[in-house]
Amino acid sequence: MEFENDVGRVLRITYGPGERSVTHRHPDNCSITLGPTSWRMTDAEGVSCENSGSLGEVGCGDGDVHLPRNSGSERNEVVLVEFKGRETFDQ
């Protein structure tokens, strides 16, 4: 963890080649890719898909359950900003 307050938390996530985590969930979030990445993501139902990212790519997620694995031959590194108490407003 790089930073945390009552609004959010900033994580630096690094996986070596072939390394994986455990099944987990993040709250609503945005991510910034710090280099080329290759991921195999498995959802709560066991369905897997391949994802890749490039340096500086930004994405947002809704906090789904997932099991990430670095499916490439290089280190994957991402900064993840998690939002606490996020509310959605219709405009």
PDB file of N, CA and C in Angstrom:
ATOM      1  N   MET A   1       0.851  -1.170   0.000  1.00  0.00           N
ATOM      2  CA  MET A   1       0.000   0.000   0.000  1.00  0.00           C
ATOM      3  C   MET A   1       0.902   1.239   0.000  1.00  0.00           C
ATOM      4  N   GLU A   2       0.597   2.157  -0.907  1.00  0.00           N
ATOM      5  CA  GLU A   2       1.363   3.393  -1.027  1.00  0.00           C
ATOM      6  C   GLU A   2       0.745   4.536  -0.214  1.00  0.00           C
ATOM      7  N   PHE A   3      -0.600   4.525  -0.096  1.00  0.00           N
ATOM      8  CA  PHE A   3      -1.296   5.645   0.556  1.00  0.00           C
ATOM      9  C   PHE A   3      -2.710   5.201   0.907  1.00  0.00           C
ATOM     10  N   GLU A   4      -3.253   5.749   2.017  1.00  0.00           N
ATOM     11  CA  GLU A   4      -4.640   5.493   2.366  1.00  0.00           C
ATOM     12  C   GLU A   4      -5.176   6.642   3.201  1.00  0.00           C
ATOM     13  N   ASN A   5      -6.423   7.030   2.917  1.00  0.00           N
ATOM     14  CA  ASN A   5      -7.152   7.978   3.757  1.00  0.00           C
ATOM     15  C   ASN A   5      -8.624   7.585   3.727  1.00  0.00           C
ATOM     16  N   ASP A   6      -9.526   8.459   4.204  1.00  0.00           N
ATOM     17  CA  ASP A   6     -10.939   8.093   4.270  1.00  0.00           C
ATOM     18  C   ASP A   6     -11.624   8.104   2.907  1.00  0.00           C
ATOM     19  N   VAL A   7     -10.963   8.583   1.868  1.00  0.00           N
ATOM     20  CA  VAL A   7     -11.531   8.641   0.517  1.00  0.00           C
ATOM     21  C   VAL A   7     -11.106   7.440  -0.325  1.00  0.00           C
ATOM     22  N   GLY A   8      -9.879   6.986  -0.142  1.00  0.00           N
ATOM     23  CA  GLY A   8      -9.403   5.893  -0.970  1.00  0.00           C
ATOM     24  C   GLY A   8      -8.095   5.313  -0.510  1.00  0.00           C
ATOM     25  N   ARG A   9      -7.616   4.365  -1.292  1.00  0.00           N
ATOM     26  CA  ARG A   9      -6.363   3.679  -1.013  1.00  0.00           C
ATOM     27  C   ARG A   9      -5.628   3.487  -2.327  1.00  0.00           C
ATOM     28  N   VAL A  10      -4.305   3.661  -2.309  1.00  0.00           N
ATOM     29  CA  VAL A  10      -3.477   3.495  -3.499  1.00  0.00           C
ATOM     30  C   VAL A  10      -2.551   2.299  -3.264  1.00  0.00           C
ATOM     31  N   LEU A  11      -2.625   1.327  -4.178  1.00  0.00           N
ATOM     32  CA  LEU A  11      -1.805   0.121  -4.096  1.00  0.00           C
ATOM     33  C   LEU A  11      -0.869   0.049  -5.285  1.00  0.00           C
ATOM     34  N   ARG A  12       0.351  -0.415  -5.064  1.00  0.00           N
ATOM     35  CA  ARG A  12       1.267  -0.741  -6.163  1.00  0.00           C
ATOM     36  C   ARG A  12       1.296  -2.265  -6.226  1.00  0.00           C
ATOM     37  N   ILE A  13       0.850  -2.813  -7.359  1.00  0.00           N
ATOM     38  CA  ILE A  13       0.703  -4.257  -7.522  1.00  0.00           C
ATOM     39  C   ILE A  13       1.752  -4.737  -8.509  1.00  0.00           C
ATOM     40  N   THR A  14       2.543  -5.735  -8.094  1.00  0.00           N
ATOM     41  CA  THR A  14       3.602  -6.278  -8.936  1.00  0.00           C
ATOM     42  C   THR A  14       3.536  -7.800  -8.917  1.00  0.00           C
ATOM     43  N   TYR A  15       3.551  -8.410 -10.101  1.00  0.00           N
ATOM     44  CA  TYR A  15       3.587  -9.857 -10.237  1.00  0.00           C
ATOM     45  C   TYR A  15       4.737 -10.229 -11.166  1.00  0.00           C
ATOM     46  N   GLY A  16       5.564 -11.179 -10.754  1.00  0.00           N
ATOM     47  CA  GLY A  16       6.607 -11.709 -11.622  1.00  0.00           C
ATOM     48  C   GLY A  16       6.005 -12.654 -12.649  1.00  0.00           C
ATOM     49  N   PRO A  17       6.783 -13.055 -13.650  1.00  0.00           N
ATOM     50  CA  PRO A  17       6.289 -13.979 -14.669  1.00  0.00           C
ATOM     51  C   PRO A  17       5.709 -15.246 -14.035  1.00  0.00           C
ATOM     52  N   GLY A  18       4.482 -15.585 -14.418  1.00  0.00           N
ATOM     53  CA  GLY A  18       3.822 -16.779 -13.906  1.00  0.00           C
ATOM     54  C   GLY A  18       3.239 -16.643 -12.512  1.00  0.00           C
ATOM     55  N   GLU A  19       3.541 -15.563 -11.814  1.00  0.00           N
ATOM     56  CA  GLU A  19       3.041 -15.388 -10.448  1.00  0.00           C
ATOM     57  C   GLU A  19       1.550 -15.091 -10.451  1.00  0.00           C
ATOM     58  N   ARG A  20       0.860 -15.589  -9.424  1.00  0.00           N
ATOM     59  CA  ARG A  20      -0.570 -15.323  -9.308  1.00  0.00           C
ATOM     60  C   ARG A  20      -0.917 -14.995  -7.866  1.00  0.00           C
ATOM     61  N   SER A  21      -2.117 -14.512  -7.698  1.00  0.00           N
ATOM     62  CA  SER A  21      -2.616 -14.139  -6.380  1.00  0.00           C
ATOM     63  C   SER A  21      -3.587 -15.210  -5.912  1.00  0.00           C
ATOM     64  N   VAL A  22      -4.470 -14.840  -5.021  1.00  0.00           N
ATOM     65  CA  VAL A  22      -5.600 -15.661  -4.604  1.00  0.00           C
ATOM     66  C   VAL A  22      -6.850 -14.956  -5.093  1.00  0.00           C
ATOM     67  N   THR A  23      -7.960 -15.652  -5.132  1.00  0.00           N
ATOM     68  CA  THR A  23      -9.210 -15.024  -5.545  1.00  0.00           C
ATOM     69  C   THR A  23      -9.564 -13.938  -4.538  1.00  0.00           C
ATOM     70  N   HIS A  24      -9.854 -12.742  -5.044  1.00  0.00           N
ATOM     71  CA  HIS A  24     -10.152 -11.601  -4.179  1.00  0.00           C
ATOM     72  C   HIS A  24     -10.993 -10.573  -4.917  1.00  0.00           C
ATOM     73  N   ARG A  25     -11.361  -9.524  -4.206  1.00  0.00           N
ATOM     74  CA  ARG A  25     -12.159  -8.433  -4.775  1.00  0.00           C
ATOM     75  C   ARG A  25     -11.564  -7.111  -4.298  1.00  0.00           C
ATOM     76  N   HIS A  26     -11.630  -6.109  -5.166  1.00  0.00           N
ATOM     77  CA  HIS A  26     -11.292  -4.733  -4.814  1.00  0.00           C
ATOM     78  C   HIS A  26     -12.584  -3.927  -4.857  1.00  0.00           C
ATOM     79  N   PRO A  27     -12.668  -2.839  -4.088  1.00  0.00           N
ATOM     80  CA  PRO A  27     -13.801  -1.928  -4.277  1.00  0.00           C
ATOM     81  C   PRO A  27     -13.682  -1.247  -5.647  1.00  0.00           C
ATOM     82  N   ASP A  28     -14.668  -0.424  -6.023  1.00  0.00           N
ATOM     83  CA  ASP A  28     -14.584   0.345  -7.269  1.00  0.00           C
ATOM     84  C   ASP A  28     -13.205   0.987  -7.347  1.00  0.00           C
ATOM     85  N   ASN A  29     -12.626   1.006  -8.566  1.00  0.00           N
ATOM     86  CA  ASN A  29     -11.225   1.424  -8.674  1.00  0.00           C
ATOM     87  C   ASN A  29     -10.883   1.904 -10.065  1.00  0.00           C
ATOM     88  N   CYS A  30      -9.720   2.528 -10.166  1.00  0.00           N
ATOM     89  CA  CYS A  30      -9.073   2.842 -11.437  1.00  0.00           C
ATOM     90  C   CYS A  30      -7.631   2.364 -11.345  1.00  0.00           C
ATOM     91  N   SER A  31      -7.088   1.919 -12.472  1.00  0.00           N
ATOM     92  CA  SER A  31      -5.714   1.415 -12.498  1.00  0.00           C
ATOM     93  C   SER A  31      -4.896   2.155 -13.549  1.00  0.00           C
ATOM     94  N   ILE A  32      -3.591   2.236 -13.289  1.00  0.00           N
ATOM     95  CA  ILE A  32      -2.634   2.822 -14.218  1.00  0.00           C
ATOM     96  C   ILE A  32      -1.543   1.783 -14.438  1.00  0.00           C
ATOM     97  N   THR A  33      -1.341   1.373 -15.680  1.00  0.00           N
ATOM     98  CA  THR A  33      -0.347   0.359 -16.014  1.00  0.00           C
ATOM     99  C   THR A  33       1.030   1.015 -16.123  1.00  0.00           C
ATOM    100  N   LEU A  34       2.027   0.420 -15.440  1.00  0.00           N
ATOM    101  CA  LEU A  34       3.370   1.008 -15.396  1.00  0.00           C
ATOM    102  C   LEU A  34       4.330   0.366 -16.383  1.00  0.00           C
ATOM    103  N   GLY A  35       3.837  -0.437 -17.270  1.00  0.00           N
ATOM    104  CA  GLY A  35       4.647  -1.078 -18.305  1.00  0.00           C
ATOM    105  C   GLY A  35       3.772  -2.069 -19.040  1.00  0.00           C
ATOM    106  N   PRO A  36       4.301  -2.746 -20.032  1.00  0.00           N
ATOM    107  CA  PRO A  36       3.499  -3.738 -20.732  1.00  0.00           C
ATOM    108  C   PRO A  36       3.111  -4.866 -19.769  1.00  0.00           C
ATOM    109  N   THR A  37       1.876  -5.327 -19.857  1.00  0.00           N
ATOM    110  CA  THR A  37       1.395  -6.393 -18.981  1.00  0.00           C
ATOM    111  C   THR A  37       0.643  -7.449 -19.768  1.00  0.00           C
ATOM    112  N   SER A  38       0.663  -8.656 -19.237  1.00  0.00           N
ATOM    113  CA  SER A  38      -0.125  -9.776 -19.766  1.00  0.00           C
ATOM    114  C   SER A  38      -0.743 -10.477 -18.572  1.00  0.00           C
ATOM    115  N   TRP A  39      -2.077 -10.541 -18.541  1.00  0.00           N
ATOM    116  CA  TRP A  39      -2.796 -11.133 -17.415  1.00  0.00           C
ATOM    117  C   TRP A  39      -3.726 -12.229 -17.884  1.00  0.00           C
ATOM    118  N   ARG A  40      -3.885 -13.226 -17.054  1.00  0.00           N
ATOM    119  CA  ARG A  40      -4.966 -14.196 -17.202  1.00  0.00           C
ATOM    120  C   ARG A  40      -5.839 -13.971 -15.977  1.00  0.00           C
ATOM    121  N   MET A  41      -7.073 -13.503 -16.212  1.00  0.00           N
ATOM    122  CA  MET A  41      -8.015 -13.224 -15.132  1.00  0.00           C
ATOM    123  C   MET A  41      -9.083 -14.305 -15.114  1.00  0.00           C
ATOM    124  N   THR A  42      -9.321 -14.849 -13.934  1.00  0.00           N
ATOM    125  CA  THR A  42     -10.359 -15.857 -13.747  1.00  0.00           C
ATOM    126  C   THR A  42     -11.415 -15.265 -12.834  1.00  0.00           C
ATOM    127  N   ASP A  43     -12.681 -15.319 -13.262  1.00  0.00           N
ATOM    128  CA  ASP A  43     -13.759 -14.713 -12.471  1.00  0.00           C
ATOM    129  C   ASP A  43     -14.295 -15.700 -11.432  1.00  0.00           C
ATOM    130  N   ALA A  44     -15.288 -15.272 -10.683  1.00  0.00           N
ATOM    131  CA  ALA A  44     -15.844 -16.072  -9.587  1.00  0.00           C
ATOM    132  C   ALA A  44     -16.447 -17.386 -10.071  1.00  0.00           C
ATOM    133  N   GLU A  45     -16.878 -17.455 -11.329  1.00  0.00           N
ATOM    134  CA  GLU A  45     -17.455 -18.678 -11.884  1.00  0.00           C
ATOM    135  C   GLU A  45     -16.395 -19.591 -12.502  1.00  0.00           C
ATOM    136  N   GLY A  46     -15.131 -19.184 -12.469  1.00  0.00           N
ATOM    137  CA  GLY A  46     -14.056 -19.990 -13.024  1.00  0.00           C
ATOM    138  C   GLY A  46     -13.774 -19.751 -14.484  1.00  0.00           C
ATOM    139  N   VAL A  47     -14.399 -18.735 -15.082  1.00  0.00           N
ATOM    140  CA  VAL A  47     -14.181 -18.404 -16.496  1.00  0.00           C
ATOM    141  C   VAL A  47     -12.947 -17.506 -16.598  1.00  0.00           C
ATOM    142  N   SER A  48     -12.014 -17.884 -17.472  1.00  0.00           N
ATOM    143  CA  SER A  48     -10.767 -17.140 -17.632  1.00  0.00           C
ATOM    144  C   SER A  48     -10.730 -16.396 -18.953  1.00  0.00           C
ATOM    145  N   CYS A  49     -10.016 -15.275 -18.956  1.00  0.00           N
ATOM    146  CA  CYS A  49      -9.762 -14.542 -20.190  1.00  0.00           C
ATOM    147  C   CYS A  49      -8.384 -13.899 -20.090  1.00  0.00           C
ATOM    148  N   GLU A  50      -7.788 -13.662 -21.238  1.00  0.00           N
ATOM    149  CA  GLU A  50      -6.477 -13.018 -21.318  1.00  0.00           C
ATOM    150  C   GLU A  50      -6.664 -11.520 -21.489  1.00  0.00           C
ATOM    151  N   ASN A  51      -5.884 -10.729 -20.772  1.00  0.00           N
ATOM    152  CA  ASN A  51      -5.889  -9.272 -20.894  1.00  0.00           C
ATOM    153  C   ASN A  51      -4.450  -8.804 -21.042  1.00  0.00           C
ATOM    154  N   SER A  52      -4.277  -7.690 -21.712  1.00  0.00           N
ATOM    155  CA  SER A  52      -2.949  -7.098 -21.805  1.00  0.00           C
ATOM    156  C   SER A  52      -3.080  -5.591 -21.654  1.00  0.00           C
ATOM    157  N   GLY A  53      -1.988  -4.963 -21.296  1.00  0.00           N
ATOM    158  CA  GLY A  53      -1.976  -3.516 -21.135  1.00  0.00           C
ATOM    159  C   GLY A  53      -0.646  -2.952 -21.593  1.00  0.00           C
ATOM    160  N   SER A  54      -0.634  -1.665 -21.838  1.00  0.00           N
ATOM    161  CA  SER A  54       0.599  -1.007 -22.249  1.00  0.00           C
ATOM    162  C   SER A  54       0.908   0.131 -21.294  1.00  0.00           C
ATOM    163  N   LEU A  55       2.125   0.596 -21.317  1.00  0.00           N
ATOM    164  CA  LEU A  55       2.590   1.664 -20.432  1.00  0.00           C
ATOM    165  C   LEU A  55       1.641   2.849 -20.459  1.00  0.00           C
ATOM    166  N   GLY A  56       1.185   3.275 -19.273  1.00  0.00           N
ATOM    167  CA  GLY A  56       0.330   4.450 -19.153  1.00  0.00           C
ATOM    168  C   GLY A  56      -1.140   4.208 -19.373  1.00  0.00           C
ATOM    169  N   GLU A  57      -1.525   2.997 -19.707  1.00  0.00           N
ATOM    170  CA  GLU A  57      -2.934   2.697 -19.930  1.00  0.00           C
ATOM    171  C   GLU A  57      -3.715   2.855 -18.621  1.00  0.00           C
ATOM    172  N   VAL A  58      -4.895   3.457 -18.722  1.00  0.00           N
ATOM    173  CA  VAL A  58      -5.752   3.686 -17.559  1.00  0.00           C
ATOM    174  C   VAL A  58      -7.060   2.936 -17.766  1.00  0.00           C
ATOM    175  N   GLY A  59      -7.527   2.287 -16.708  1.00  0.00           N
ATOM    176  CA  GLY A  59      -8.802   1.579 -16.779  1.00  0.00           C
ATOM    177  C   GLY A  59      -9.521   1.698 -15.453  1.00  0.00           C
ATOM    178  N   CYS A  60     -10.811   1.440 -15.462  1.00  0.00           N
ATOM    179  CA  CYS A  60     -11.612   1.489 -14.235  1.00  0.00           C
ATOM    180  C   CYS A  60     -12.405   0.201 -14.109  1.00  0.00           C
ATOM    181  N   GLY A  61     -12.656  -0.208 -12.867  1.00  0.00           N
ATOM    182  CA  GLY A  61     -13.380  -1.439 -12.616  1.00  0.00           C
ATOM    183  C   GLY A  61     -14.411  -1.265 -11.522  1.00  0.00           C
ATOM    184  N   ASP A  62     -15.337  -2.208 -11.488  1.00  0.00           N
ATOM    185  CA  ASP A  62     -16.430  -2.131 -10.525  1.00  0.00           C
ATOM    186  C   ASP A  62     -16.242  -3.052  -9.332  1.00  0.00           C
ATOM    187  N   GLY A  63     -15.055  -3.563  -9.125  1.00  0.00           N
ATOM    188  CA  GLY A  63     -14.787  -4.372  -7.949  1.00  0.00           C
ATOM    189  C   GLY A  63     -15.226  -5.808  -8.069  1.00  0.00           C
ATOM    190  N   ASP A  64     -15.162  -6.394  -9.251  1.00  0.00           N
ATOM    191  CA  ASP A  64     -15.562  -7.784  -9.426  1.00  0.00           C
ATOM    192  C   ASP A  64     -14.559  -8.740  -8.778  1.00  0.00           C
ATOM    193  N   VAL A  65     -15.021  -9.949  -8.476  1.00  0.00           N
ATOM    194  CA  VAL A  65     -14.170 -10.992  -7.914  1.00  0.00           C
ATOM    195  C   VAL A  65     -13.278 -11.533  -9.035  1.00  0.00           C
ATOM    196  N   HIS A  66     -11.987 -11.704  -8.742  1.00  0.00           N
ATOM    197  CA  HIS A  66     -11.068 -12.187  -9.768  1.00  0.00           C
ATOM    198  C   HIS A  66      -9.862 -12.881  -9.150  1.00  0.00           C
ATOM    199  N   LEU A  67      -9.222 -13.710  -9.975  1.00  0.00           N
ATOM    200  CA  LEU A  67      -7.961 -14.362  -9.649  1.00  0.00           C
ATOM    201  C   LEU A  67      -6.985 -13.982 -10.752  1.00  0.00           C
ATOM    202  N   PRO A  68      -6.044 -13.045 -10.483  1.00  0.00           N
ATOM    203  CA  PRO A  68      -5.103 -12.624 -11.519  1.00  0.00           C
ATOM    204  C   PRO A  68      -3.845 -13.498 -11.546  1.00  0.00           C
ATOM    205  N   ARG A  69      -3.321 -13.696 -12.755  1.00  0.00           N
ATOM    206  CA  ARG A  69      -2.042 -14.381 -12.937  1.00  0.00           C
ATOM    207  C   ARG A  69      -1.281 -13.674 -14.051  1.00  0.00           C
ATOM    208  N   ASN A  70      -0.011 -13.426 -13.826  1.00  0.00           N
ATOM    209  CA  ASN A  70       0.844 -12.862 -14.867  1.00  0.00           C
ATOM    210  C   ASN A  70       1.080 -13.968 -15.886  1.00  0.00           C
ATOM    211  N   SER A  71       0.538 -13.811 -17.081  1.00  0.00           N
ATOM    212  CA  SER A  71       0.660 -14.833 -18.112  1.00  0.00           C
ATOM    213  C   SER A  71       1.789 -14.535 -19.093  1.00  0.00           C
ATOM    214  N   GLY A  72       2.575 -13.503 -18.806  1.00  0.00           N
ATOM    215  CA  GLY A  72       3.668 -13.126 -19.700  1.00  0.00           C
ATOM    216  C   GLY A  72       5.029 -13.535 -19.162  1.00  0.00           C
ATOM    217  N   SER A  73       6.064 -13.095 -19.853  1.00  0.00           N
ATOM    218  CA  SER A  73       7.441 -13.439 -19.475  1.00  0.00           C
ATOM    219  C   SER A  73       8.158 -12.271 -18.784  1.00  0.00           C
ATOM    220  N   GLU A  74       7.450 -11.156 -18.587  1.00  0.00           N
ATOM    221  CA  GLU A  74       8.015  -9.983 -17.928  1.00  0.00           C
ATOM    222  C   GLU A  74       7.210  -9.639 -16.681  1.00  0.00           C
ATOM    223  N   ARG A  75       7.777  -8.826 -15.822  1.00  0.00           N
ATOM    224  CA  ARG A  75       7.082  -8.377 -14.613  1.00  0.00           C
ATOM    225  C   ARG A  75       5.908  -7.482 -14.990  1.00  0.00           C
ATOM    226  N   ASN A  76       4.766  -7.667 -14.322  1.00  0.00           N
ATOM    227  CA  ASN A  76       3.593  -6.799 -14.473  1.00  0.00           C
ATOM    228  C   ASN A  76       3.550  -5.852 -13.287  1.00  0.00           C
ATOM    229  N   GLU A  77       3.333  -4.568 -13.550  1.00  0.00           N
ATOM    230  CA  GLU A  77       3.241  -3.599 -12.459  1.00  0.00           C
ATOM    231  C   GLU A  77       2.129  -2.602 -12.761  1.00  0.00           C
ATOM    232  N   VAL A  78       1.264  -2.400 -11.759  1.00  0.00           N
ATOM    233  CA  VAL A  78       0.090  -1.541 -11.897  1.00  0.00           C
ATOM    234  C   VAL A  78      -0.085  -0.750 -10.610  1.00  0.00           C
ATOM    235  N   VAL A  79      -0.519   0.508 -10.730  1.00  0.00           N
ATOM    236  CA  VAL A  79      -0.971   1.280  -9.571  1.00  0.00           C
ATOM    237  C   VAL A  79      -2.489   1.228  -9.588  1.00  0.00           C
ATOM    238  N   LEU A  80      -3.083   0.825  -8.461  1.00  0.00           N
ATOM    239  CA  LEU A  80      -4.527   0.693  -8.345  1.00  0.00           C
ATOM    240  C   LEU A  80      -5.027   1.692  -7.303  1.00  0.00           C
ATOM    241  N   VAL A  81      -5.991   2.515  -7.705  1.00  0.00           N
ATOM    242  CA  VAL A  81      -6.618   3.478  -6.794  1.00  0.00           C
ATOM    243  C   VAL A  81      -8.005   2.955  -6.464  1.00  0.00           C
ATOM    244  N   GLU A  82      -8.212   2.562  -5.195  1.00  0.00           N
ATOM    245  CA  GLU A  82      -9.508   2.058  -4.735  1.00  0.00           C
ATOM    246  C   GLU A  82     -10.293   3.197  -4.095  1.00  0.00           C
ATOM    247  N   PHE A  83     -11.582   3.247  -4.398  1.00  0.00           N
ATOM    248  CA  PHE A  83     -12.441   4.307  -3.870  1.00  0.00           C
ATOM    249  C   PHE A  83     -13.280   3.779  -2.717  1.00  0.00           C
ATOM    250  N   LYS A  84     -13.293   4.504  -1.615  1.00  0.00           N
ATOM    251  CA  LYS A  84     -14.085   4.125  -0.447  1.00  0.00           C
ATOM    252  C   LYS A  84     -15.401   4.897  -0.444  1.00  0.00           C
ATOM    253  N   GLY A  85     -16.490   4.241  -0.105  1.00  0.00           N
ATOM    254  CA  GLY A  85     -17.777   4.916   0.033  1.00  0.00           C
ATOM    255  C   GLY A  85     -18.243   5.619  -1.220  1.00  0.00           C
ATOM    256  N   ARG A  86     -17.913   5.081  -2.357  1.00  0.00           N
ATOM    257  CA  ARG A  86     -18.263   5.718  -3.628  1.00  0.00           C
ATOM    258  C   ARG A  86     -19.757   5.653  -3.862  1.00  0.00           C
ATOM    259  N   GLU A  87     -20.337   6.768  -4.276  1.00  0.00           N
ATOM    260  CA  GLU A  87     -21.749   6.823  -4.615  1.00  0.00           C
ATOM    261  C   GLU A  87     -21.888   7.150  -6.090  1.00  0.00           C
ATOM    262  N   THR A  88     -22.933   6.628  -6.713  1.00  0.00           N
ATOM    263  CA  THR A  88     -23.218   6.912  -8.107  1.00  0.00           C
ATOM    264  C   THR A  88     -24.384   7.875  -8.171  1.00  0.00           C
ATOM    265  N   PHE A  89     -24.230   8.930  -8.962  1.00  0.00           N
ATOM    266  CA  PHE A  89     -25.291   9.932  -9.117  1.00  0.00           C
ATOM    267  C   PHE A  89     -25.766   9.919 -10.552  1.00  0.00           C
ATOM    268  N   ASP A  90     -27.075   9.848 -10.763  1.00  0.00           N
ATOM    269  CA  ASP A  90     -27.636   9.957 -12.106  1.00  0.00           C
ATOM    270  C   ASP A  90     -27.640  11.421 -12.504  1.00  0.00           C
ATOM    271  N   GLN A  91     -27.282  11.673 -13.741  1.00  0.00           N
ATOM    272  CA  GLN A  91     -27.261  13.051 -14.227  1.00  0.00           C
ATOM    273  C   GLN A  91     -28.275  13.233 -15.326  1.00  0.00           C
TER     274      GLN A  91
END
